[in-house]
């Protein structure tokens, strides 16, 4: 596989990550989960920086993206374990809300084919959650599906970013963008 096709694939994966992160950001805002809102915001910034690095041949930005991707994978595993009540974690805890507001996932009342026993409150004056009687897919599984999609795209992005960084590092070592080849024994002629 050539460098150009790996770069193009990484650009596509970064764009896909941006779309899924923005979608997740909207639903986290709806659910009053403040920790994921902040983490998603940082994720969006780092993916944009990584995208910039790939497009502009800047390996440092792609390395930043690589390191963040490892943290992002860990975050998604943590959130999945939290929603599945694994490892002593509980979805009913205040971890994701930072104790600022009462946690209520948007998906709990608005999931696929959810039937609720209450009517939505009129206007924006007072938000009253309804109780869902039955859903085709329970809200915690929808949240975990979001995490799984993010994990898969991130892992693919990580693999392609490793390859792109290795090719960018090779190019940076052999060419100085001033029209001549770099010789490690020869001092640089640029004086600042």
N, C-alpha and C. Protein backbone atom coordinates (compact mmCIF):
# COMPACT_ATOMS: atom_id res chain seq x y z
N UNK A 1 0.86 -1.17 0.00
CA UNK A 1 0.00 0.00 0.00
C UNK A 1 0.90 1.23 0.00
N UNK A 2 0.59 2.16 -0.84
CA UNK A 2 1.39 3.37 -0.95
C UNK A 2 1.06 4.38 0.12
N UNK A 3 1.95 5.32 0.28
CA UNK A 3 1.79 6.36 1.28
C UNK A 3 0.54 7.20 1.02
N UNK A 4 0.30 7.50 -0.25
CA UNK A 4 -0.84 8.35 -0.57
C UNK A 4 -2.16 7.67 -0.20
N UNK A 5 -2.28 6.38 -0.48
CA UNK A 5 -3.53 5.71 -0.15
C UNK A 5 -3.70 5.56 1.36
N UNK A 6 -2.61 5.37 2.11
CA UNK A 6 -2.70 5.32 3.57
C UNK A 6 -3.10 6.68 4.12
N UNK A 7 -2.52 7.74 3.58
CA UNK A 7 -2.91 9.10 4.00
C UNK A 7 -4.37 9.36 3.71
N UNK A 8 -4.80 8.99 2.51
CA UNK A 8 -6.20 9.21 2.13
C UNK A 8 -7.14 8.41 3.03
N UNK A 9 -6.76 7.19 3.36
CA UNK A 9 -7.58 6.37 4.26
C UNK A 9 -7.62 6.99 5.65
N UNK A 10 -6.49 7.49 6.13
CA UNK A 10 -6.47 8.14 7.45
C UNK A 10 -7.30 9.41 7.45
N UNK A 11 -7.26 10.16 6.37
CA UNK A 11 -8.11 11.36 6.26
C UNK A 11 -9.57 10.96 6.32
N UNK A 12 -9.94 9.90 5.61
CA UNK A 12 -11.32 9.41 5.65
C UNK A 12 -11.71 8.96 7.05
N UNK A 13 -10.82 8.24 7.72
CA UNK A 13 -11.11 7.78 9.08
C UNK A 13 -11.23 8.95 10.06
N UNK A 14 -10.39 9.97 9.90
CA UNK A 14 -10.50 11.15 10.76
C UNK A 14 -11.83 11.87 10.54
N UNK A 15 -12.24 11.96 9.29
CA UNK A 15 -13.54 12.59 8.99
C UNK A 15 -14.68 11.78 9.60
N UNK A 16 -14.58 10.46 9.51
CA UNK A 16 -15.59 9.59 10.10
C UNK A 16 -15.61 9.75 11.62
N UNK A 17 -14.42 9.88 12.22
CA UNK A 17 -14.36 10.11 13.66
C UNK A 17 -15.00 11.44 14.03
N UNK A 18 -14.79 12.46 13.22
CA UNK A 18 -15.41 13.75 13.51
C UNK A 18 -16.92 13.67 13.46
N UNK A 19 -17.45 12.97 12.46
CA UNK A 19 -18.91 12.84 12.33
C UNK A 19 -19.48 12.07 13.53
N UNK A 20 -18.85 10.96 13.88
CA UNK A 20 -19.37 10.17 15.01
C UNK A 20 -19.18 10.90 16.34
N UNK A 21 -18.09 11.66 16.48
CA UNK A 21 -17.88 12.42 17.72
C UNK A 21 -18.88 13.56 17.85
N UNK A 22 -19.19 14.23 16.76
CA UNK A 22 -20.20 15.30 16.81
C UNK A 22 -21.58 14.74 17.12
N UNK A 23 -21.89 13.60 16.53
CA UNK A 23 -23.18 12.95 16.82
C UNK A 23 -23.24 12.57 18.30
N UNK A 24 -22.18 12.00 18.81
CA UNK A 24 -22.14 11.61 20.21
C UNK A 24 -22.20 12.84 21.12
N UNK A 25 -21.57 13.93 20.70
CA UNK A 25 -21.59 15.16 21.48
C UNK A 25 -23.02 15.68 21.64
N UNK A 26 -23.79 15.63 20.56
CA UNK A 26 -25.18 16.09 20.61
C UNK A 26 -25.97 15.27 21.61
N UNK A 27 -25.84 13.95 21.56
CA UNK A 27 -26.61 13.11 22.47
C UNK A 27 -26.12 13.22 23.91
N UNK A 28 -24.83 13.48 24.12
CA UNK A 28 -24.35 13.69 25.48
C UNK A 28 -24.87 15.01 26.03
N UNK A 29 -24.99 16.04 25.19
CA UNK A 29 -25.61 17.29 25.63
C UNK A 29 -27.06 17.06 26.03
N UNK A 30 -27.77 16.26 25.26
CA UNK A 30 -29.17 15.97 25.57
C UNK A 30 -29.31 15.19 26.87
N UNK A 31 -28.30 14.41 27.21
CA UNK A 31 -28.37 13.57 28.39
C UNK A 31 -27.77 14.18 29.63
N UNK A 32 -27.29 15.40 29.57
CA UNK A 32 -26.70 16.09 30.73
C UNK A 32 -25.50 15.33 31.29
N UNK A 33 -24.68 14.76 30.42
CA UNK A 33 -23.48 14.06 30.85
C UNK A 33 -22.29 14.99 30.56
N UNK A 34 -21.80 15.64 31.59
CA UNK A 34 -20.83 16.70 31.37
C UNK A 34 -19.42 16.18 31.16
N UNK A 35 -19.02 15.09 31.80
CA UNK A 35 -17.68 14.55 31.56
C UNK A 35 -17.52 14.10 30.11
N UNK A 36 -18.46 13.34 29.53
CA UNK A 36 -18.32 12.99 28.11
C UNK A 36 -18.36 14.19 27.18
N UNK A 37 -19.09 15.23 27.53
CA UNK A 37 -19.12 16.43 26.69
C UNK A 37 -17.73 17.05 26.62
N UNK A 38 -17.04 17.14 27.76
CA UNK A 38 -15.69 17.71 27.77
C UNK A 38 -14.70 16.81 27.04
N UNK A 39 -14.78 15.51 27.29
CA UNK A 39 -13.86 14.57 26.64
C UNK A 39 -14.10 14.57 25.13
N UNK A 40 -15.37 14.58 24.70
CA UNK A 40 -15.68 14.63 23.27
C UNK A 40 -15.14 15.91 22.63
N UNK A 41 -15.23 17.01 23.35
CA UNK A 41 -14.71 18.28 22.85
C UNK A 41 -13.20 18.18 22.59
N UNK A 42 -12.46 17.63 23.56
CA UNK A 42 -11.02 17.44 23.37
C UNK A 42 -10.74 16.47 22.22
N UNK A 43 -11.57 15.45 22.12
CA UNK A 43 -11.40 14.48 21.04
C UNK A 43 -11.56 15.15 19.67
N UNK A 44 -12.56 15.99 19.55
CA UNK A 44 -12.79 16.69 18.29
C UNK A 44 -11.59 17.57 17.94
N UNK A 45 -11.05 18.29 18.93
CA UNK A 45 -9.89 19.15 18.70
C UNK A 45 -8.69 18.33 18.25
N UNK A 46 -8.42 17.22 18.92
CA UNK A 46 -7.24 16.42 18.59
C UNK A 46 -7.41 15.75 17.22
N UNK A 47 -8.62 15.31 16.89
CA UNK A 47 -8.83 14.71 15.56
C UNK A 47 -8.62 15.77 14.48
N UNK A 48 -9.07 16.99 14.71
CA UNK A 48 -8.84 18.06 13.74
C UNK A 48 -7.34 18.32 13.60
N UNK A 49 -6.61 18.34 14.71
CA UNK A 49 -5.16 18.52 14.65
C UNK A 49 -4.49 17.36 13.90
N UNK A 50 -4.95 16.14 14.16
CA UNK A 50 -4.42 14.99 13.45
C UNK A 50 -4.70 15.06 11.96
N UNK A 51 -5.90 15.50 11.63
CA UNK A 51 -6.27 15.68 10.22
C UNK A 51 -5.37 16.73 9.56
N UNK A 52 -5.12 17.81 10.28
CA UNK A 52 -4.21 18.85 9.80
C UNK A 52 -2.81 18.27 9.57
N UNK A 53 -2.36 17.46 10.53
CA UNK A 53 -1.04 16.86 10.42
C UNK A 53 -0.91 15.93 9.22
N UNK A 54 -1.96 15.17 8.95
CA UNK A 54 -1.92 14.26 7.80
C UNK A 54 -1.92 15.06 6.50
N UNK A 55 -2.76 16.06 6.42
CA UNK A 55 -2.87 16.85 5.19
C UNK A 55 -1.60 17.66 4.94
N UNK A 56 -1.02 18.22 6.00
CA UNK A 56 0.15 19.09 5.87
C UNK A 56 1.49 18.37 6.07
N UNK A 57 1.47 17.04 6.15
CA UNK A 57 2.68 16.26 6.35
C UNK A 57 3.42 16.66 7.63
N UNK A 58 2.70 16.83 8.71
CA UNK A 58 3.30 17.20 10.01
C UNK A 58 3.21 16.00 10.94
N UNK A 59 4.31 15.31 11.13
CA UNK A 59 4.28 14.07 11.92
C UNK A 59 3.98 14.33 13.39
N UNK A 60 4.35 15.49 13.93
CA UNK A 60 4.09 15.75 15.35
C UNK A 60 2.60 15.78 15.65
N UNK A 61 1.81 16.33 14.75
CA UNK A 61 0.38 16.36 14.96
C UNK A 61 -0.22 14.96 14.84
N UNK A 62 0.32 14.17 13.95
CA UNK A 62 -0.17 12.79 13.80
C UNK A 62 0.23 11.97 15.03
N UNK A 63 1.41 12.23 15.59
CA UNK A 63 1.82 11.54 16.81
C UNK A 63 0.92 11.94 17.97
N UNK A 64 0.56 13.22 18.06
CA UNK A 64 -0.40 13.67 19.07
C UNK A 64 -1.72 12.92 18.91
N UNK A 65 -2.17 12.79 17.67
CA UNK A 65 -3.39 12.03 17.38
C UNK A 65 -3.24 10.57 17.83
N UNK A 66 -2.07 9.97 17.58
CA UNK A 66 -1.81 8.59 17.99
C UNK A 66 -1.92 8.42 19.51
N UNK A 67 -1.26 9.31 20.24
CA UNK A 67 -1.29 9.22 21.70
C UNK A 67 -2.70 9.44 22.24
N UNK A 68 -3.41 10.41 21.68
CA UNK A 68 -4.78 10.67 22.11
C UNK A 68 -5.68 9.47 21.79
N UNK A 69 -5.44 8.81 20.67
CA UNK A 69 -6.26 7.67 20.29
C UNK A 69 -6.17 6.57 21.35
N UNK A 70 -4.99 6.37 21.92
CA UNK A 70 -4.86 5.38 22.99
C UNK A 70 -5.71 5.76 24.21
N UNK A 71 -5.67 7.05 24.57
CA UNK A 71 -6.51 7.52 25.68
C UNK A 71 -8.00 7.40 25.34
N UNK A 72 -8.34 7.71 24.08
CA UNK A 72 -9.73 7.66 23.63
C UNK A 72 -10.27 6.23 23.66
N UNK A 73 -9.44 5.27 23.28
CA UNK A 73 -9.84 3.87 23.36
C UNK A 73 -10.10 3.48 24.82
N UNK A 74 -9.20 3.89 25.71
CA UNK A 74 -9.39 3.63 27.14
C UNK A 74 -10.66 4.26 27.68
N UNK A 75 -10.95 5.50 27.26
CA UNK A 75 -12.18 6.18 27.69
C UNK A 75 -13.42 5.42 27.23
N UNK A 76 -13.42 4.95 25.98
CA UNK A 76 -14.57 4.23 25.47
C UNK A 76 -14.76 2.88 26.15
N UNK A 77 -13.67 2.22 26.50
CA UNK A 77 -13.77 0.97 27.26
C UNK A 77 -14.35 1.27 28.64
N UNK A 78 -13.88 2.36 29.28
CA UNK A 78 -14.41 2.75 30.59
C UNK A 78 -15.91 3.04 30.53
N UNK A 79 -16.34 3.82 29.54
CA UNK A 79 -17.76 4.15 29.43
C UNK A 79 -18.59 2.91 29.13
N UNK A 80 -18.08 2.00 28.32
CA UNK A 80 -18.79 0.75 28.04
C UNK A 80 -18.95 -0.06 29.32
N UNK A 81 -17.87 -0.18 30.09
CA UNK A 81 -17.95 -0.92 31.36
C UNK A 81 -18.91 -0.25 32.33
N UNK A 82 -18.94 1.07 32.32
CA UNK A 82 -19.83 1.82 33.19
C UNK A 82 -21.29 1.52 32.85
N UNK A 83 -21.64 1.57 31.56
CA UNK A 83 -23.02 1.33 31.16
C UNK A 83 -23.44 -0.13 31.28
N UNK A 84 -22.48 -1.04 31.23
CA UNK A 84 -22.80 -2.46 31.38
C UNK A 84 -22.65 -2.94 32.82
N UNK A 85 -22.33 -2.00 33.74
CA UNK A 85 -22.15 -2.30 35.16
C UNK A 85 -21.08 -3.37 35.38
N UNK A 86 -19.96 -3.25 34.68
CA UNK A 86 -18.85 -4.19 34.81
C UNK A 86 -17.75 -3.59 35.67
N UNK A 87 -17.00 -4.44 36.34
CA UNK A 87 -15.84 -4.00 37.10
C UNK A 87 -16.16 -3.11 38.28
N UNK A 88 -17.31 -3.28 38.89
CA UNK A 88 -17.69 -2.47 40.03
C UNK A 88 -18.20 -1.08 39.68
N UNK A 89 -18.35 -0.81 38.40
CA UNK A 89 -18.88 0.48 37.96
C UNK A 89 -20.39 0.39 37.83
N UNK A 90 -21.07 1.52 37.95
CA UNK A 90 -22.53 1.53 37.84
C UNK A 90 -22.98 2.70 37.00
N UNK A 91 -23.91 2.44 36.09
CA UNK A 91 -24.43 3.51 35.24
C UNK A 91 -25.26 4.52 36.03
N UNK A 92 -25.65 4.16 37.25
CA UNK A 92 -26.45 5.06 38.08
C UNK A 92 -25.60 6.00 38.93
N UNK A 93 -24.27 5.91 38.81
CA UNK A 93 -23.38 6.78 39.60
C UNK A 93 -23.31 8.17 38.96
N UNK A 94 -22.70 9.09 39.69
CA UNK A 94 -22.57 10.47 39.22
C UNK A 94 -21.24 10.72 38.52
N UNK A 95 -20.56 9.68 38.09
CA UNK A 95 -19.24 9.85 37.47
C UNK A 95 -19.32 10.68 36.20
N UNK A 96 -20.27 10.38 35.32
CA UNK A 96 -20.34 11.07 34.04
C UNK A 96 -20.93 12.48 34.14
N UNK A 97 -21.71 12.73 35.18
CA UNK A 97 -22.31 14.06 35.31
C UNK A 97 -21.45 15.00 36.13
N UNK A 98 -20.36 14.48 36.70
CA UNK A 98 -19.47 15.24 37.58
C UNK A 98 -20.22 15.78 38.79
N UNK A 99 -21.34 15.14 39.15
CA UNK A 99 -22.13 15.55 40.30
C UNK A 99 -22.86 16.87 40.12
N UNK A 100 -22.92 17.40 38.90
CA UNK A 100 -23.52 18.71 38.65
C UNK A 100 -25.03 18.60 38.46
N UNK A 101 -25.48 17.57 37.80
CA UNK A 101 -26.91 17.41 37.53
C UNK A 101 -27.30 15.95 37.66
N UNK A 102 -28.60 15.73 37.74
CA UNK A 102 -29.06 14.35 37.82
C UNK A 102 -28.93 13.70 36.45
N UNK A 103 -28.34 12.52 36.45
CA UNK A 103 -28.06 11.83 35.18
C UNK A 103 -29.34 11.21 34.64
N UNK A 104 -29.59 11.49 33.40
CA UNK A 104 -30.70 10.85 32.69
C UNK A 104 -30.30 10.81 31.23
N UNK A 105 -30.04 9.63 30.73
CA UNK A 105 -29.65 9.49 29.35
C UNK A 105 -30.82 9.85 28.44
N UNK A 106 -30.53 10.59 27.40
CA UNK A 106 -31.54 10.93 26.40
C UNK A 106 -32.11 9.67 25.78
N UNK A 107 -31.25 8.68 25.63
CA UNK A 107 -31.68 7.42 25.01
C UNK A 107 -32.66 6.66 25.90
N UNK A 108 -32.70 6.94 27.19
CA UNK A 108 -33.60 6.21 28.09
C UNK A 108 -35.06 6.42 27.71
N UNK A 109 -35.40 7.63 27.27
CA UNK A 109 -36.79 7.93 26.90
C UNK A 109 -37.00 7.99 25.40
N UNK A 110 -35.95 8.13 24.64
CA UNK A 110 -36.09 8.34 23.19
C UNK A 110 -35.39 7.29 22.37
N UNK A 111 -35.16 6.13 22.93
CA UNK A 111 -34.48 5.06 22.22
C UNK A 111 -35.34 4.48 21.11
N UNK A 112 -34.78 3.52 20.39
CA UNK A 112 -35.52 2.92 19.28
C UNK A 112 -36.80 2.25 19.76
N UNK A 113 -37.92 2.73 19.22
CA UNK A 113 -39.26 2.19 19.49
C UNK A 113 -39.62 2.20 20.98
N UNK A 114 -39.25 3.24 21.69
CA UNK A 114 -39.62 3.35 23.10
C UNK A 114 -41.06 3.86 23.21
N UNK A 115 -41.81 3.23 24.07
CA UNK A 115 -43.17 3.67 24.36
C UNK A 115 -43.15 4.20 25.79
N UNK A 116 -43.60 5.44 25.96
CA UNK A 116 -43.56 6.03 27.30
C UNK A 116 -44.97 6.19 27.85
N UNK A 117 -45.05 6.23 29.18
CA UNK A 117 -46.36 6.35 29.82
C UNK A 117 -46.74 7.79 30.10
N UNK A 118 -45.88 8.74 29.84
CA UNK A 118 -46.19 10.14 30.07
C UNK A 118 -46.07 10.95 28.80
N UNK A 119 -46.66 12.12 28.81
CA UNK A 119 -46.56 13.02 27.67
C UNK A 119 -45.38 13.96 27.89
N UNK A 120 -44.75 14.39 26.84
CA UNK A 120 -43.65 15.35 27.02
C UNK A 120 -44.17 16.65 27.62
N UNK A 121 -43.35 17.28 28.45
CA UNK A 121 -43.77 18.52 29.08
C UNK A 121 -43.85 19.64 28.03
N UNK A 122 -44.76 20.56 28.26
CA UNK A 122 -44.96 21.66 27.31
C UNK A 122 -43.89 22.72 27.52
N UNK A 123 -43.25 23.11 26.44
CA UNK A 123 -42.28 24.20 26.50
C UNK A 123 -40.96 23.78 27.13
N UNK A 124 -40.09 24.77 27.31
CA UNK A 124 -38.77 24.53 27.86
C UNK A 124 -38.69 24.94 29.33
N UNK A 125 -39.83 25.32 29.93
CA UNK A 125 -39.78 25.83 31.29
C UNK A 125 -39.30 24.77 32.28
N UNK A 126 -39.84 23.58 32.18
CA UNK A 126 -39.49 22.54 33.14
C UNK A 126 -39.31 21.23 32.39
N UNK A 127 -38.17 20.62 32.58
CA UNK A 127 -37.91 19.35 31.92
C UNK A 127 -38.29 18.24 32.87
N UNK A 128 -39.29 17.46 32.46
CA UNK A 128 -39.72 16.33 33.27
C UNK A 128 -39.53 15.06 32.46
N UNK A 129 -38.67 14.19 32.92
CA UNK A 129 -38.44 12.96 32.18
C UNK A 129 -39.66 12.05 32.25
N UNK A 130 -39.86 11.33 31.20
CA UNK A 130 -40.94 10.35 31.17
C UNK A 130 -40.35 8.98 31.48
N UNK A 131 -41.18 8.08 31.88
CA UNK A 131 -40.73 6.73 32.18
C UNK A 131 -41.02 5.85 30.98
N UNK A 132 -40.00 5.24 30.47
CA UNK A 132 -40.17 4.37 29.32
C UNK A 132 -40.67 3.01 29.77
N UNK A 133 -41.74 2.55 29.14
CA UNK A 133 -42.28 1.24 29.46
C UNK A 133 -41.51 0.14 28.76
N UNK A 134 -41.32 0.29 27.49
CA UNK A 134 -40.59 -0.74 26.76
C UNK A 134 -39.86 -0.11 25.59
N UNK A 135 -38.71 -0.65 25.31
CA UNK A 135 -37.90 -0.19 24.19
C UNK A 135 -37.42 -1.40 23.41
N UNK A 136 -37.25 -1.21 22.14
CA UNK A 136 -36.72 -2.27 21.31
C UNK A 136 -35.28 -2.59 21.72
N UNK A 137 -34.52 -1.55 22.09
CA UNK A 137 -33.15 -1.71 22.56
C UNK A 137 -32.95 -0.76 23.73
N UNK A 138 -32.56 -1.30 24.89
CA UNK A 138 -32.42 -0.48 26.08
C UNK A 138 -31.30 0.54 25.91
N UNK A 139 -31.44 1.67 26.62
CA UNK A 139 -30.56 2.82 26.41
C UNK A 139 -29.09 2.52 26.67
N UNK A 140 -28.78 1.71 27.66
CA UNK A 140 -27.36 1.44 27.94
C UNK A 140 -26.70 0.69 26.79
N UNK A 141 -27.47 -0.10 26.06
CA UNK A 141 -26.89 -0.82 24.92
C UNK A 141 -26.68 0.13 23.73
N UNK A 142 -27.53 1.14 23.61
CA UNK A 142 -27.33 2.14 22.56
C UNK A 142 -26.05 2.93 22.86
N UNK A 143 -25.86 3.30 24.13
CA UNK A 143 -24.64 4.01 24.52
C UNK A 143 -23.40 3.16 24.28
N UNK A 144 -23.48 1.87 24.59
CA UNK A 144 -22.34 0.96 24.38
C UNK A 144 -22.08 0.81 22.88
N UNK A 145 -23.12 0.78 22.06
CA UNK A 145 -22.93 0.71 20.60
C UNK A 145 -22.18 1.93 20.09
N UNK A 146 -22.50 3.11 20.65
CA UNK A 146 -21.74 4.32 20.29
C UNK A 146 -20.26 4.12 20.60
N UNK A 147 -19.98 3.58 21.77
CA UNK A 147 -18.58 3.37 22.18
C UNK A 147 -17.90 2.35 21.27
N UNK A 148 -18.61 1.30 20.89
CA UNK A 148 -18.00 0.28 20.02
C UNK A 148 -17.66 0.86 18.66
N UNK A 149 -18.56 1.67 18.10
CA UNK A 149 -18.28 2.32 16.82
C UNK A 149 -17.05 3.21 16.95
N UNK A 150 -16.99 4.00 18.02
CA UNK A 150 -15.83 4.86 18.25
C UNK A 150 -14.55 4.04 18.41
N UNK A 151 -14.64 2.91 19.11
CA UNK A 151 -13.48 2.04 19.28
C UNK A 151 -12.97 1.51 17.95
N UNK A 152 -13.86 1.00 17.14
CA UNK A 152 -13.45 0.42 15.86
C UNK A 152 -12.81 1.46 14.94
N UNK A 153 -13.43 2.61 14.83
CA UNK A 153 -12.88 3.66 13.97
C UNK A 153 -11.55 4.15 14.53
N UNK A 154 -11.45 4.27 15.85
CA UNK A 154 -10.20 4.74 16.47
C UNK A 154 -9.07 3.74 16.27
N UNK A 155 -9.37 2.46 16.42
CA UNK A 155 -8.33 1.45 16.24
C UNK A 155 -7.84 1.41 14.80
N UNK A 156 -8.75 1.53 13.85
CA UNK A 156 -8.33 1.62 12.45
C UNK A 156 -7.50 2.88 12.21
N UNK A 157 -7.94 3.99 12.78
CA UNK A 157 -7.18 5.24 12.67
C UNK A 157 -5.81 5.12 13.29
N UNK A 158 -5.70 4.41 14.42
CA UNK A 158 -4.42 4.21 15.07
C UNK A 158 -3.46 3.44 14.17
N UNK A 159 -3.95 2.36 13.56
CA UNK A 159 -3.11 1.54 12.69
C UNK A 159 -2.62 2.36 11.50
N UNK A 160 -3.53 3.06 10.84
CA UNK A 160 -3.13 3.86 9.68
C UNK A 160 -2.23 5.03 10.08
N UNK A 161 -2.48 5.62 11.24
CA UNK A 161 -1.64 6.73 11.70
C UNK A 161 -0.22 6.25 11.99
N UNK A 162 -0.08 5.04 12.54
CA UNK A 162 1.27 4.49 12.76
C UNK A 162 2.02 4.37 11.44
N UNK A 163 1.35 3.88 10.43
CA UNK A 163 1.99 3.73 9.12
C UNK A 163 2.34 5.09 8.52
N UNK A 164 1.40 6.04 8.62
CA UNK A 164 1.63 7.37 8.05
C UNK A 164 2.78 8.07 8.78
N UNK A 165 2.86 7.93 10.10
CA UNK A 165 3.95 8.55 10.86
C UNK A 165 5.29 7.96 10.44
N UNK A 166 5.32 6.66 10.22
CA UNK A 166 6.59 6.05 9.81
C UNK A 166 7.02 6.55 8.43
N UNK A 167 6.08 6.76 7.53
CA UNK A 167 6.45 7.28 6.21
C UNK A 167 6.78 8.76 6.28
N UNK A 168 6.08 9.51 7.12
CA UNK A 168 6.40 10.94 7.26
C UNK A 168 7.75 11.13 7.91
N UNK A 169 8.09 10.30 8.89
CA UNK A 169 9.39 10.40 9.57
C UNK A 169 10.52 10.11 8.60
N UNK A 170 10.31 9.12 7.73
CA UNK A 170 11.33 8.82 6.72
C UNK A 170 11.53 10.00 5.79
N UNK A 171 10.43 10.63 5.38
CA UNK A 171 10.53 11.77 4.47
C UNK A 171 11.18 12.97 5.15
N UNK A 172 10.84 13.21 6.44
CA UNK A 172 11.42 14.34 7.16
C UNK A 172 12.91 14.17 7.37
N UNK A 173 13.38 12.92 7.51
CA UNK A 173 14.80 12.68 7.72
C UNK A 173 15.61 12.85 6.44
N UNK A 174 14.98 12.73 5.29
CA UNK A 174 15.75 12.73 4.06
C UNK A 174 15.61 14.01 3.24
N UNK A 175 14.71 14.87 3.58
CA UNK A 175 14.48 16.05 2.75
C UNK A 175 14.12 17.22 3.65
N UNK A 176 14.71 18.40 3.42
CA UNK A 176 14.47 19.52 4.32
C UNK A 176 13.53 20.58 3.74
N UNK A 177 12.84 20.28 2.66
CA UNK A 177 11.86 21.17 2.03
C UNK A 177 12.47 22.47 1.50
N UNK A 178 13.79 22.56 1.46
CA UNK A 178 14.45 23.74 0.91
C UNK A 178 15.15 23.39 -0.40
N UNK A 179 14.88 22.18 -0.90
CA UNK A 179 15.43 21.79 -2.18
C UNK A 179 16.72 21.02 -2.11
N UNK A 180 17.17 20.65 -0.92
CA UNK A 180 18.39 19.85 -0.82
C UNK A 180 18.19 18.75 0.20
N UNK A 181 19.00 17.74 0.10
CA UNK A 181 18.90 16.62 1.02
C UNK A 181 19.64 16.93 2.31
N UNK A 182 19.12 16.39 3.40
CA UNK A 182 19.69 16.62 4.72
C UNK A 182 20.80 15.60 4.98
N UNK A 183 21.94 16.10 5.41
CA UNK A 183 23.05 15.23 5.79
C UNK A 183 23.30 15.45 7.28
N UNK A 184 23.10 14.40 8.11
CA UNK A 184 23.23 14.58 9.56
C UNK A 184 24.58 15.13 10.00
N UNK A 185 25.65 14.85 9.28
CA UNK A 185 26.96 15.34 9.69
C UNK A 185 27.18 16.80 9.34
N UNK A 186 26.39 17.29 8.38
CA UNK A 186 26.54 18.67 7.92
C UNK A 186 25.62 19.59 8.74
N UNK A 187 26.12 20.66 9.35
CA UNK A 187 25.26 21.55 10.13
C UNK A 187 24.25 22.27 9.21
N UNK A 188 23.12 22.60 9.80
CA UNK A 188 22.08 23.29 9.05
C UNK A 188 22.54 24.69 8.69
N UNK A 189 22.15 25.18 7.53
CA UNK A 189 22.57 26.49 7.08
C UNK A 189 21.57 27.58 7.47
N UNK A 190 20.47 27.18 8.10
CA UNK A 190 19.49 28.17 8.53
C UNK A 190 19.87 28.70 9.89
N UNK A 191 20.00 30.02 10.02
CA UNK A 191 20.34 30.64 11.30
C UNK A 191 19.16 31.53 11.69
N UNK A 192 18.72 31.32 12.93
CA UNK A 192 17.57 32.10 13.39
C UNK A 192 18.01 33.18 14.31
